[in-house]
Amino acid sequence: QDTQASRAAFERGVAHERQRIAQDLHDDVGAMLLTSLHQPDMGQVHQTLRSTIAEIRSIVSGLSGETPSLAEALASMRYEAGQRLDAAGVALQWQEPPLPDTALDYRIAKNLSSALREMLSNTLRHAQAKAVRIALRLEQNMLHMEISDDGKGMDAAAQTAGHGLRNVQRRMADIGGQASARSSAAGVCVHLSLPLPSVPSSRLPAQSPT
């Protein structure tokens, strides 16, 4: 009976994860592809398609049951950010401390990477920046990420509306984190924070969805 209960719980978890991934495909990938259809500038289309490809890779990783370490997840985010910004002629400065051997499940890695991706999209669309600085720091079990640019900033109305900040706040709240933004004459700074799981990546087995 215990075995049956465990199996039922596992199957419920698998079904929930599949539903989450299907929702990601609909909400994120579908929205990106629709956006690319209505962008008149080919440079913007290319940026959107690069983001879409990266999003699909994240979802495929979730389907395969991969559990990347924090270092692996951030390395992937750094590579993608560098590629996108370099294509737009924007310099990237990435600062990262030594990282713990912590595993991130699909939901945490996906939401964090999507939040960063959306903030960079906002920067490329609105900021007219020449450089972006992404600085990470660890405080106890909290990861903090600051994304700042040297662009034109945003007015109070745009800050309230969010330029996508509401979506980022929703993503971070879904993983127990927070997002905030401030603007000045020196540009925009977005602060993301989230609690890290305490499970070492070497001890966390992959969760197969099949």
N, C-alpha and C. Protein backbone atom coordinates (compact mmCIF):
# COMPACT_ATOMS: atom_id res chain seq x y z
N GLN A 1 0.84 -1.20 0.00
CA GLN A 1 0.00 0.00 0.00
C GLN A 1 0.87 1.25 0.00
N ASP A 2 1.96 1.22 0.79
CA ASP A 2 2.87 2.35 0.79
C ASP A 2 3.49 2.55 -0.58
N THR A 3 3.81 1.43 -1.25
CA THR A 3 4.38 1.51 -2.59
C THR A 3 3.40 2.14 -3.57
N GLN A 4 2.12 1.75 -3.47
CA GLN A 4 1.10 2.33 -4.35
C GLN A 4 0.92 3.82 -4.09
N ALA A 5 0.93 4.20 -2.81
CA ALA A 5 0.79 5.61 -2.46
C ALA A 5 1.97 6.42 -2.98
N SER A 6 3.18 5.85 -2.88
CA SER A 6 4.37 6.54 -3.38
C SER A 6 4.30 6.69 -4.89
N ARG A 7 3.85 5.62 -5.56
CA ARG A 7 3.73 5.67 -7.01
C ARG A 7 2.69 6.71 -7.44
N ALA A 8 1.57 6.75 -6.71
CA ALA A 8 0.53 7.73 -7.04
C ALA A 8 1.04 9.15 -6.85
N ALA A 9 1.80 9.37 -5.76
CA ALA A 9 2.35 10.70 -5.51
C ALA A 9 3.34 11.09 -6.61
N PHE A 10 4.16 10.11 -7.02
CA PHE A 10 5.12 10.37 -8.10
C PHE A 10 4.40 10.74 -9.39
N GLU A 11 3.35 9.99 -9.72
CA GLU A 11 2.61 10.26 -10.95
C GLU A 11 1.92 11.62 -10.91
N ARG A 12 1.43 12.01 -9.73
CA ARG A 12 0.84 13.35 -9.60
C ARG A 12 1.89 14.42 -9.82
N GLY A 13 3.09 14.18 -9.28
CA GLY A 13 4.18 15.13 -9.48
C GLY A 13 4.58 15.24 -10.95
N VAL A 14 4.63 14.10 -11.63
CA VAL A 14 4.96 14.10 -13.05
C VAL A 14 3.91 14.86 -13.85
N ALA A 15 2.65 14.60 -13.55
CA ALA A 15 1.56 15.28 -14.26
C ALA A 15 1.61 16.79 -14.03
N HIS A 16 1.91 17.17 -12.79
CA HIS A 16 2.00 18.60 -12.48
C HIS A 16 3.15 19.25 -13.23
N GLU A 17 4.28 18.55 -13.29
CA GLU A 17 5.45 19.10 -13.98
C GLU A 17 5.20 19.20 -15.49
N ARG A 18 4.53 18.20 -16.05
CA ARG A 18 4.20 18.27 -17.47
C ARG A 18 3.26 19.43 -17.75
N GLN A 19 2.31 19.65 -16.87
CA GLN A 19 1.38 20.77 -17.03
C GLN A 19 2.13 22.10 -16.97
N ARG A 20 3.09 22.18 -16.05
CA ARG A 20 3.89 23.40 -15.93
C ARG A 20 4.69 23.66 -17.20
N ILE A 21 5.31 22.61 -17.73
CA ILE A 21 6.12 22.76 -18.93
C ILE A 21 5.25 23.13 -20.13
N ALA A 22 4.06 22.50 -20.23
CA ALA A 22 3.13 22.86 -21.30
C ALA A 22 2.72 24.32 -21.19
N GLN A 23 2.51 24.79 -19.97
CA GLN A 23 2.15 26.21 -19.76
C GLN A 23 3.30 27.11 -20.17
N ASP A 24 4.54 26.69 -19.86
CA ASP A 24 5.70 27.48 -20.28
C ASP A 24 5.78 27.57 -21.80
N LEU A 25 5.53 26.46 -22.48
CA LEU A 25 5.55 26.49 -23.94
C LEU A 25 4.51 27.45 -24.49
N HIS A 26 3.32 27.41 -23.90
CA HIS A 26 2.23 28.27 -24.37
C HIS A 26 2.51 29.74 -24.05
N ASP A 27 2.86 30.01 -22.79
CA ASP A 27 3.00 31.40 -22.36
C ASP A 27 4.27 32.07 -22.87
N ASP A 28 5.40 31.36 -22.76
CA ASP A 28 6.68 31.99 -23.07
C ASP A 28 7.08 31.83 -24.53
N VAL A 29 7.19 30.59 -24.98
CA VAL A 29 7.62 30.36 -26.36
C VAL A 29 6.58 30.89 -27.34
N GLY A 30 5.31 30.62 -27.09
CA GLY A 30 4.27 31.12 -27.98
C GLY A 30 4.26 32.63 -28.06
N ALA A 31 4.39 33.29 -26.92
CA ALA A 31 4.39 34.75 -26.91
C ALA A 31 5.60 35.32 -27.65
N MET A 32 6.76 34.68 -27.47
CA MET A 32 7.96 35.16 -28.16
C MET A 32 7.82 35.04 -29.68
N LEU A 33 7.30 33.91 -30.13
CA LEU A 33 7.15 33.71 -31.57
C LEU A 33 6.14 34.69 -32.16
N LEU A 34 5.05 34.94 -31.44
CA LEU A 34 4.08 35.93 -31.91
C LEU A 34 4.69 37.33 -31.96
N THR A 35 5.51 37.64 -30.96
CA THR A 35 6.18 38.94 -30.94
C THR A 35 7.08 39.11 -32.15
N SER A 36 7.83 38.05 -32.50
CA SER A 36 8.75 38.15 -33.64
C SER A 36 8.02 38.40 -34.95
N LEU A 37 6.78 37.90 -35.06
CA LEU A 37 6.00 38.10 -36.29
C LEU A 37 5.62 39.55 -36.51
N HIS A 38 5.57 40.33 -35.43
CA HIS A 38 5.11 41.72 -35.52
C HIS A 38 6.23 42.74 -35.34
N GLN A 39 7.47 42.28 -35.35
CA GLN A 39 8.59 43.21 -35.23
C GLN A 39 9.10 43.59 -36.62
N PRO A 40 9.08 44.88 -36.95
CA PRO A 40 9.49 45.30 -38.30
C PRO A 40 10.99 45.26 -38.51
N ASP A 41 11.75 45.39 -37.42
CA ASP A 41 13.21 45.44 -37.53
C ASP A 41 13.79 44.04 -37.43
N MET A 42 14.61 43.64 -38.41
CA MET A 42 15.15 42.28 -38.43
C MET A 42 16.11 42.03 -37.27
N GLY A 43 16.78 43.08 -36.81
CA GLY A 43 17.65 42.91 -35.65
C GLY A 43 16.86 42.50 -34.42
N GLN A 44 15.70 43.12 -34.23
CA GLN A 44 14.83 42.75 -33.11
C GLN A 44 14.30 41.33 -33.28
N VAL A 45 13.96 40.98 -34.52
CA VAL A 45 13.47 39.62 -34.79
C VAL A 45 14.53 38.59 -34.40
N HIS A 46 15.78 38.86 -34.78
CA HIS A 46 16.86 37.93 -34.46
C HIS A 46 17.04 37.79 -32.95
N GLN A 47 16.97 38.93 -32.22
CA GLN A 47 17.11 38.88 -30.77
C GLN A 47 15.98 38.05 -30.14
N THR A 48 14.76 38.25 -30.64
CA THR A 48 13.61 37.52 -30.10
C THR A 48 13.74 36.03 -30.38
N LEU A 49 14.20 35.68 -31.58
CA LEU A 49 14.35 34.27 -31.92
C LEU A 49 15.47 33.62 -31.11
N ARG A 50 16.54 34.36 -30.83
CA ARG A 50 17.60 33.82 -29.97
C ARG A 50 17.05 33.52 -28.58
N SER A 51 16.23 34.45 -28.06
CA SER A 51 15.63 34.22 -26.75
C SER A 51 14.69 33.02 -26.78
N THR A 52 13.96 32.88 -27.89
CA THR A 52 13.03 31.75 -28.01
C THR A 52 13.78 30.43 -28.02
N ILE A 53 14.88 30.38 -28.74
CA ILE A 53 15.69 29.15 -28.79
C ILE A 53 16.23 28.82 -27.39
N ALA A 54 16.70 29.84 -26.67
CA ALA A 54 17.20 29.61 -25.31
C ALA A 54 16.08 29.11 -24.41
N GLU A 55 14.88 29.67 -24.59
CA GLU A 55 13.75 29.24 -23.77
C GLU A 55 13.40 27.78 -24.05
N ILE A 56 13.43 27.40 -25.32
CA ILE A 56 13.14 26.01 -25.68
C ILE A 56 14.18 25.07 -25.06
N ARG A 57 15.44 25.49 -25.06
CA ARG A 57 16.49 24.66 -24.45
C ARG A 57 16.22 24.45 -22.97
N SER A 58 15.78 25.53 -22.29
CA SER A 58 15.47 25.41 -20.86
C SER A 58 14.34 24.41 -20.63
N ILE A 59 13.32 24.49 -21.47
CA ILE A 59 12.17 23.60 -21.32
C ILE A 59 12.56 22.16 -21.62
N VAL A 60 13.38 21.95 -22.64
CA VAL A 60 13.84 20.59 -22.97
C VAL A 60 14.65 20.01 -21.81
N SER A 61 15.47 20.85 -21.17
CA SER A 61 16.22 20.39 -20.00
C SER A 61 15.28 19.94 -18.90
N GLY A 62 14.18 20.69 -18.73
CA GLY A 62 13.19 20.29 -17.74
C GLY A 62 12.53 18.97 -18.08
N LEU A 63 12.23 18.77 -19.35
CA LEU A 63 11.61 17.51 -19.78
C LEU A 63 12.54 16.33 -19.57
N SER A 64 13.85 16.55 -19.72
CA SER A 64 14.80 15.45 -19.57
C SER A 64 15.10 15.14 -18.11
N GLY A 65 14.57 15.97 -17.21
CA GLY A 65 14.79 15.73 -15.78
C GLY A 65 16.13 16.19 -15.28
N GLU A 66 16.83 17.06 -16.03
CA GLU A 66 18.14 17.53 -15.61
C GLU A 66 18.01 18.45 -14.39
N THR A 67 18.95 18.36 -13.49
CA THR A 67 19.01 19.25 -12.33
C THR A 67 20.38 19.91 -12.31
N PRO A 68 20.53 21.04 -13.00
CA PRO A 68 21.84 21.68 -13.07
C PRO A 68 22.24 22.26 -11.72
N SER A 69 23.54 22.37 -11.51
CA SER A 69 24.02 23.06 -10.32
C SER A 69 23.83 24.56 -10.52
N LEU A 70 23.94 25.30 -9.42
CA LEU A 70 23.83 26.75 -9.50
C LEU A 70 24.88 27.31 -10.45
N ALA A 71 26.11 26.80 -10.37
CA ALA A 71 27.18 27.28 -11.23
C ALA A 71 26.87 27.00 -12.70
N GLU A 72 26.35 25.82 -12.99
CA GLU A 72 26.01 25.48 -14.38
C GLU A 72 24.88 26.36 -14.91
N ALA A 73 23.86 26.57 -14.07
CA ALA A 73 22.74 27.41 -14.51
C ALA A 73 23.19 28.84 -14.78
N LEU A 74 24.03 29.38 -13.90
CA LEU A 74 24.51 30.75 -14.09
C LEU A 74 25.46 30.85 -15.28
N ALA A 75 26.25 29.82 -15.51
CA ALA A 75 27.14 29.83 -16.68
C ALA A 75 26.33 29.88 -17.96
N SER A 76 25.23 29.14 -18.01
CA SER A 76 24.35 29.17 -19.17
C SER A 76 23.72 30.56 -19.35
N MET A 77 23.29 31.16 -18.24
CA MET A 77 22.70 32.51 -18.31
C MET A 77 23.75 33.52 -18.77
N ARG A 78 24.97 33.38 -18.26
CA ARG A 78 26.03 34.31 -18.65
C ARG A 78 26.33 34.19 -20.15
N TYR A 79 26.40 32.97 -20.64
CA TYR A 79 26.68 32.77 -22.07
C TYR A 79 25.58 33.39 -22.94
N GLU A 80 24.33 33.11 -22.58
CA GLU A 80 23.22 33.65 -23.36
C GLU A 80 23.20 35.18 -23.31
N ALA A 81 23.39 35.74 -22.11
CA ALA A 81 23.40 37.20 -21.97
C ALA A 81 24.51 37.81 -22.81
N GLY A 82 25.70 37.20 -22.76
CA GLY A 82 26.82 37.71 -23.55
C GLY A 82 26.55 37.67 -25.04
N GLN A 83 25.94 36.58 -25.51
CA GLN A 83 25.63 36.46 -26.93
C GLN A 83 24.63 37.52 -27.37
N ARG A 84 23.58 37.71 -26.58
CA ARG A 84 22.53 38.68 -26.95
C ARG A 84 23.06 40.11 -26.93
N LEU A 85 23.78 40.44 -25.87
CA LEU A 85 24.28 41.81 -25.75
C LEU A 85 25.35 42.11 -26.80
N ASP A 86 26.22 41.14 -27.05
CA ASP A 86 27.27 41.33 -28.05
C ASP A 86 26.66 41.56 -29.44
N ALA A 87 25.61 40.83 -29.75
CA ALA A 87 24.95 41.00 -31.05
C ALA A 87 24.35 42.39 -31.20
N ALA A 88 24.00 43.01 -30.06
CA ALA A 88 23.41 44.36 -30.09
C ALA A 88 24.47 45.44 -29.87
N GLY A 89 25.74 45.05 -29.75
CA GLY A 89 26.79 46.03 -29.54
C GLY A 89 26.83 46.58 -28.13
N VAL A 90 26.35 45.80 -27.15
CA VAL A 90 26.33 46.23 -25.75
C VAL A 90 27.33 45.37 -24.96
N ALA A 91 28.17 46.01 -24.18
CA ALA A 91 29.18 45.27 -23.40
C ALA A 91 28.54 44.65 -22.16
N LEU A 92 29.04 43.49 -21.77
CA LEU A 92 28.58 42.80 -20.56
C LEU A 92 29.69 42.73 -19.54
N GLN A 93 29.39 43.15 -18.33
CA GLN A 93 30.28 42.98 -17.18
C GLN A 93 29.58 42.04 -16.20
N TRP A 94 30.17 40.89 -15.94
CA TRP A 94 29.55 39.87 -15.09
C TRP A 94 30.44 39.64 -13.89
N GLN A 95 29.91 39.83 -12.71
CA GLN A 95 30.66 39.63 -11.48
C GLN A 95 29.98 38.52 -10.67
N GLU A 96 30.79 37.54 -10.28
CA GLU A 96 30.22 36.35 -9.64
C GLU A 96 31.15 35.86 -8.53
N PRO A 97 30.65 35.60 -7.33
CA PRO A 97 31.48 35.09 -6.25
C PRO A 97 31.64 33.57 -6.37
N PRO A 98 32.49 32.96 -5.55
CA PRO A 98 32.51 31.50 -5.50
C PRO A 98 31.12 30.97 -5.14
N LEU A 99 30.72 29.91 -5.81
CA LEU A 99 29.34 29.42 -5.66
C LEU A 99 29.28 28.09 -4.93
N PRO A 100 28.24 27.89 -4.13
CA PRO A 100 28.08 26.61 -3.44
C PRO A 100 27.64 25.52 -4.40
N ASP A 101 27.87 24.28 -4.00
CA ASP A 101 27.47 23.13 -4.82
C ASP A 101 25.99 22.84 -4.57
N THR A 102 25.16 23.72 -5.13
CA THR A 102 23.72 23.65 -4.92
C THR A 102 23.02 23.29 -6.20
N ALA A 103 22.06 22.38 -6.13
CA ALA A 103 21.28 21.98 -7.31
C ALA A 103 20.03 22.84 -7.42
N LEU A 104 19.66 23.15 -8.65
CA LEU A 104 18.44 23.92 -8.91
C LEU A 104 17.47 23.05 -9.70
N ASP A 105 16.24 22.94 -9.21
CA ASP A 105 15.28 22.19 -10.00
C ASP A 105 14.80 23.04 -11.17
N TYR A 106 14.02 22.43 -12.04
CA TYR A 106 13.58 23.09 -13.27
C TYR A 106 12.89 24.41 -12.98
N ARG A 107 12.00 24.43 -12.01
CA ARG A 107 11.19 25.62 -11.76
C ARG A 107 12.07 26.81 -11.36
N ILE A 108 13.06 26.58 -10.49
CA ILE A 108 13.92 27.68 -10.06
C ILE A 108 14.82 28.16 -11.19
N ALA A 109 15.49 27.23 -11.86
CA ALA A 109 16.39 27.61 -12.95
C ALA A 109 15.64 28.30 -14.07
N LYS A 110 14.46 27.78 -14.41
CA LYS A 110 13.67 28.35 -15.50
C LYS A 110 13.21 29.76 -15.18
N ASN A 111 12.65 29.97 -13.99
CA ASN A 111 12.13 31.29 -13.66
C ASN A 111 13.25 32.33 -13.52
N LEU A 112 14.38 31.92 -12.95
CA LEU A 112 15.48 32.87 -12.82
C LEU A 112 16.03 33.25 -14.19
N SER A 113 16.25 32.27 -15.06
CA SER A 113 16.77 32.58 -16.40
C SER A 113 15.78 33.39 -17.20
N SER A 114 14.48 33.10 -17.07
CA SER A 114 13.46 33.85 -17.79
C SER A 114 13.38 35.29 -17.28
N ALA A 115 13.53 35.48 -15.97
CA ALA A 115 13.52 36.84 -15.41
C ALA A 115 14.69 37.65 -15.94
N LEU A 116 15.88 37.05 -15.96
CA LEU A 116 17.05 37.75 -16.49
C LEU A 116 16.86 38.05 -17.97
N ARG A 117 16.34 37.08 -18.71
CA ARG A 117 16.12 37.26 -20.14
C ARG A 117 15.16 38.42 -20.41
N GLU A 118 14.10 38.51 -19.62
CA GLU A 118 13.13 39.57 -19.83
C GLU A 118 13.72 40.94 -19.49
N MET A 119 14.52 41.01 -18.44
CA MET A 119 15.15 42.28 -18.10
C MET A 119 16.13 42.74 -19.18
N LEU A 120 16.87 41.79 -19.74
CA LEU A 120 17.79 42.15 -20.82
C LEU A 120 17.02 42.59 -22.07
N SER A 121 15.90 41.94 -22.33
CA SER A 121 15.07 42.36 -23.47
C SER A 121 14.60 43.80 -23.29
N ASN A 122 14.19 44.15 -22.07
CA ASN A 122 13.76 45.51 -21.79
C ASN A 122 14.90 46.50 -22.01
N THR A 123 16.09 46.11 -21.56
CA THR A 123 17.25 46.98 -21.74
C THR A 123 17.53 47.21 -23.22
N LEU A 124 17.51 46.13 -24.01
CA LEU A 124 17.81 46.25 -25.43
C LEU A 124 16.74 47.05 -26.17
N ARG A 125 15.49 46.95 -25.71
CA ARG A 125 14.41 47.67 -26.39
C ARG A 125 14.35 49.14 -26.01
N HIS A 126 14.63 49.46 -24.74
CA HIS A 126 14.30 50.80 -24.25
C HIS A 126 15.48 51.64 -23.77
N ALA A 127 16.56 51.02 -23.32
CA ALA A 127 17.55 51.77 -22.54
C ALA A 127 18.56 52.56 -23.36
N GLN A 128 18.83 52.12 -24.60
CA GLN A 128 19.89 52.72 -25.41
C GLN A 128 21.22 52.69 -24.64
N ALA A 129 21.46 51.55 -24.00
CA ALA A 129 22.64 51.41 -23.15
C ALA A 129 23.85 50.96 -23.97
N LYS A 130 25.03 51.27 -23.43
CA LYS A 130 26.27 50.81 -24.03
C LYS A 130 26.89 49.65 -23.24
N ALA A 131 26.46 49.50 -21.99
CA ALA A 131 27.01 48.44 -21.15
C ALA A 131 25.96 47.98 -20.15
N VAL A 132 26.03 46.71 -19.82
CA VAL A 132 25.18 46.11 -18.79
C VAL A 132 26.09 45.41 -17.78
N ARG A 133 25.81 45.62 -16.52
CA ARG A 133 26.57 44.97 -15.45
C ARG A 133 25.65 44.05 -14.68
N ILE A 134 26.05 42.78 -14.55
CA ILE A 134 25.30 41.80 -13.78
C ILE A 134 26.19 41.34 -12.64
N ALA A 135 25.78 41.67 -11.43
CA ALA A 135 26.59 41.36 -10.25
C ALA A 135 25.82 40.44 -9.33
N LEU A 136 26.44 39.35 -8.94
CA LEU A 136 25.82 38.38 -8.04
C LEU A 136 26.53 38.38 -6.70
N ARG A 137 25.76 38.15 -5.66
CA ARG A 137 26.35 37.99 -4.33
C ARG A 137 25.49 37.01 -3.53
N LEU A 138 26.13 36.38 -2.55
CA LEU A 138 25.46 35.42 -1.69
C LEU A 138 25.45 35.96 -0.27
N GLU A 139 24.29 35.88 0.36
CA GLU A 139 24.15 36.24 1.76
C GLU A 139 23.40 35.11 2.45
N GLN A 140 24.14 34.33 3.23
CA GLN A 140 23.58 33.14 3.86
C GLN A 140 23.00 32.23 2.76
N ASN A 141 21.70 31.98 2.77
CA ASN A 141 21.13 31.10 1.74
C ASN A 141 20.41 31.88 0.66
N MET A 142 20.69 33.19 0.54
CA MET A 142 20.02 34.02 -0.45
C MET A 142 20.98 34.38 -1.58
N LEU A 143 20.47 34.25 -2.81
CA LEU A 143 21.20 34.70 -3.99
C LEU A 143 20.64 36.05 -4.42
N HIS A 144 21.52 37.02 -4.61
CA HIS A 144 21.12 38.35 -5.07
C HIS A 144 21.75 38.60 -6.44
N MET A 145 20.96 39.11 -7.36
CA MET A 145 21.44 39.44 -8.69
C MET A 145 21.01 40.86 -9.03
N GLU A 146 21.99 41.71 -9.33
CA GLU A 146 21.70 43.08 -9.75
C GLU A 146 22.03 43.24 -11.22
N ILE A 147 21.05 43.73 -11.98
CA ILE A 147 21.22 43.96 -13.41
C ILE A 147 21.11 45.46 -13.64
N SER A 148 22.21 46.10 -13.97
CA SER A 148 22.21 47.55 -14.14
C SER A 148 22.76 47.92 -15.51
N ASP A 149 22.28 49.05 -16.03
CA ASP A 149 22.76 49.52 -17.33
C ASP A 149 23.10 51.00 -17.24
N ASP A 150 23.77 51.50 -18.26
CA ASP A 150 24.15 52.91 -18.32
C ASP A 150 23.27 53.66 -19.31
N GLY A 151 22.02 53.21 -19.45
CA GLY A 151 21.12 53.80 -20.43
C GLY A 151 20.41 55.05 -19.92
N LYS A 152 19.30 55.37 -20.58
CA LYS A 152 18.61 56.64 -20.33
C LYS A 152 17.66 56.58 -19.14
N GLY A 153 17.51 55.42 -18.51
CA GLY A 153 16.59 55.30 -17.38
C GLY A 153 15.16 55.24 -17.85
N MET A 154 14.23 55.32 -16.91
CA MET A 154 12.82 55.31 -17.27
C MET A 154 12.07 56.26 -16.34
N ASP A 155 10.97 56.81 -16.85
CA ASP A 155 10.22 57.77 -16.04
C ASP A 155 9.39 57.04 -14.99
N ALA A 156 8.76 57.82 -14.11
CA ALA A 156 8.02 57.24 -12.99
C ALA A 156 6.88 56.36 -13.46
N ALA A 157 6.19 56.78 -14.52
CA ALA A 157 5.06 55.99 -15.03
C ALA A 157 5.53 54.64 -15.55
N ALA A 158 6.65 54.66 -16.27
CA ALA A 158 7.18 53.40 -16.81
C ALA A 158 7.68 52.51 -15.69
N GLN A 159 8.22 53.13 -14.63
CA GLN A 159 8.71 52.35 -13.49
C GLN A 159 7.55 51.63 -12.81
N THR A 160 6.40 52.34 -12.70
CA THR A 160 5.23 51.73 -12.08
C THR A 160 4.65 50.64 -12.97
N ALA A 161 4.55 50.92 -14.27
CA ALA A 161 4.01 49.93 -15.21
C ALA A 161 4.94 48.74 -15.31
N GLY A 162 6.25 49.03 -15.23
CA GLY A 162 7.17 47.93 -15.05
C GLY A 162 8.02 47.57 -16.24
N HIS A 163 7.65 47.97 -17.47
CA HIS A 163 8.42 47.52 -18.64
C HIS A 163 8.71 46.03 -18.52
N GLY A 164 7.73 45.25 -18.15
CA GLY A 164 7.94 43.82 -17.96
C GLY A 164 8.27 43.44 -16.53
N LEU A 165 8.43 44.44 -15.64
CA LEU A 165 8.81 44.14 -14.26
C LEU A 165 7.75 43.31 -13.56
N ARG A 166 6.48 43.54 -13.87
CA ARG A 166 5.43 42.75 -13.22
C ARG A 166 5.58 41.27 -13.54
N ASN A 167 5.91 40.95 -14.78
CA ASN A 167 6.13 39.55 -15.13
C ASN A 167 7.31 38.97 -14.37
N VAL A 168 8.36 39.76 -14.25
CA VAL A 168 9.55 39.31 -13.53
C VAL A 168 9.22 39.12 -12.05
N GLN A 169 8.46 40.04 -11.47
CA GLN A 169 8.05 39.89 -10.07
C GLN A 169 7.22 38.63 -9.87
N ARG A 170 6.36 38.34 -10.84
CA ARG A 170 5.55 37.12 -10.75
C ARG A 170 6.44 35.88 -10.82
N ARG A 171 7.40 35.88 -11.72
CA ARG A 171 8.30 34.73 -11.84
C ARG A 171 9.09 34.53 -10.55
N MET A 172 9.60 35.61 -9.99
CA MET A 172 10.41 35.48 -8.78
C MET A 172 9.55 35.06 -7.59
N ALA A 173 8.34 35.59 -7.51
CA ALA A 173 7.45 35.19 -6.41
C ALA A 173 7.13 33.71 -6.48
N ASP A 174 7.08 33.16 -7.68
CA ASP A 174 6.76 31.74 -7.86
C ASP A 174 7.83 30.84 -7.27
N ILE A 175 9.05 31.35 -7.12
CA ILE A 175 10.14 30.56 -6.54
C ILE A 175 10.57 31.14 -5.18
N GLY A 176 9.68 31.92 -4.57
CA GLY A 176 9.95 32.45 -3.24
C GLY A 176 10.87 33.64 -3.22
N GLY A 177 11.07 34.29 -4.37
CA GLY A 177 11.98 35.41 -4.45
C GLY A 177 11.27 36.74 -4.63
N GLN A 178 12.06 37.77 -4.91
CA GLN A 178 11.53 39.12 -5.09
C GLN A 178 12.27 39.81 -6.22
N ALA A 179 11.63 40.85 -6.78
CA ALA A 179 12.25 41.67 -7.82
C ALA A 179 11.84 43.11 -7.60
N SER A 180 12.79 44.02 -7.76
CA SER A 180 12.50 45.44 -7.65
C SER A 180 13.40 46.19 -8.63
N ALA A 181 13.02 47.43 -8.93
CA ALA A 181 13.79 48.22 -9.88
C ALA A 181 13.87 49.66 -9.41
N ARG A 182 14.97 50.30 -9.73
CA ARG A 182 15.10 51.74 -9.49
C ARG A 182 15.78 52.37 -10.70
N SER A 183 15.41 53.63 -10.95
CA SER A 183 15.94 54.33 -12.11
C SER A 183 16.54 55.65 -11.68
N SER A 184 17.61 56.05 -12.37
CA SER A 184 18.25 57.33 -12.11
C SER A 184 18.85 57.83 -13.42
N ALA A 185 19.50 58.96 -13.35
CA ALA A 185 20.15 59.49 -14.55
C ALA A 185 21.26 58.58 -15.03
N ALA A 186 21.75 57.71 -14.14
CA ALA A 186 22.84 56.79 -14.50
C ALA A 186 22.32 55.51 -15.14
N GLY A 187 21.00 55.32 -15.22
CA GLY A 187 20.44 54.12 -15.83
C GLY A 187 19.48 53.42 -14.89
N VAL A 188 19.18 52.16 -15.21
CA VAL A 188 18.22 51.36 -14.45
C VAL A 188 18.96 50.23 -13.75
N CYS A 189 18.55 49.94 -12.52
CA CYS A 189 19.10 48.82 -11.78
C CYS A 189 17.95 47.94 -11.29
N VAL A 190 17.98 46.68 -11.64
CA VAL A 190 16.97 45.71 -11.21
C VAL A 190 17.62 44.76 -10.22
N HIS A 191 16.95 44.52 -9.12
CA HIS A 191 17.47 43.63 -8.09
C HIS A 191 16.58 42.40 -7.98
N LEU A 192 17.16 41.22 -8.19
CA LEU A 192 16.47 39.95 -8.02
C LEU A 192 17.07 39.23 -6.82
N SER A 193 16.23 38.61 -6.02
CA SER A 193 16.72 37.83 -4.89
C SER A 193 15.87 36.59 -4.72
N LEU A 194 16.50 35.49 -4.32
CA LEU A 194 15.75 34.26 -4.08
C LEU A 194 16.51 33.38 -3.11
N PRO A 195 15.77 32.61 -2.31
CA PRO A 195 16.42 31.65 -1.41
C PRO A 195 16.93 30.45 -2.21
N LEU A 196 18.09 29.97 -1.84
CA LEU A 196 18.67 28.82 -2.51
C LEU A 196 18.34 27.54 -1.76
N PRO A 197 18.08 26.44 -2.49
CA PRO A 197 17.90 25.14 -1.81
C PRO A 197 19.22 24.71 -1.21
N SER A 198 19.15 23.86 -0.20
CA SER A 198 20.35 23.45 0.51
C SER A 198 20.87 22.09 0.07
N VAL A 199 20.28 21.52 -1.00
CA VAL A 199 20.67 20.18 -1.43
C VAL A 199 21.86 20.26 -2.37
N PRO A 200 23.00 19.62 -2.05
CA PRO A 200 24.14 19.62 -2.96
C PRO A 200 23.78 18.95 -4.28
N SER A 201 24.31 19.48 -5.37
CA SER A 201 23.97 18.92 -6.69
C SER A 201 24.43 17.48 -6.83
N SER A 202 25.52 17.10 -6.15
CA SER A 202 26.02 15.74 -6.24
C SER A 202 25.10 14.73 -5.55
N ARG A 203 24.18 15.24 -4.70
CA ARG A 203 23.29 14.34 -3.96
C ARG A 203 21.88 14.35 -4.48
N LEU A 204 21.59 15.20 -5.48
CA LEU A 204 20.22 15.32 -5.95
C LEU A 204 20.05 14.54 -7.25
N PRO A 205 19.31 13.44 -7.26
CA PRO A 205 19.13 12.67 -8.49
C PRO A 205 18.22 13.39 -9.45
N ALA A 206 18.40 13.11 -10.72
CA ALA A 206 17.51 13.67 -11.73
C ALA A 206 16.12 13.09 -11.57
N GLN A 207 15.11 13.96 -11.76
CA GLN A 207 13.73 13.53 -11.66
C GLN A 207 13.19 13.27 -13.06
N SER A 208 13.04 12.05 -13.43
CA SER A 208 12.57 11.73 -14.77
C SER A 208 11.07 11.93 -14.87
N PRO A 209 10.58 12.66 -15.91
CA PRO A 209 9.16 12.90 -16.06
C PRO A 209 8.43 11.75 -16.71
N THR A 210 9.14 10.66 -17.00
CA THR A 210 8.47 9.53 -17.66
C THR A 210 8.47 8.31 -16.74
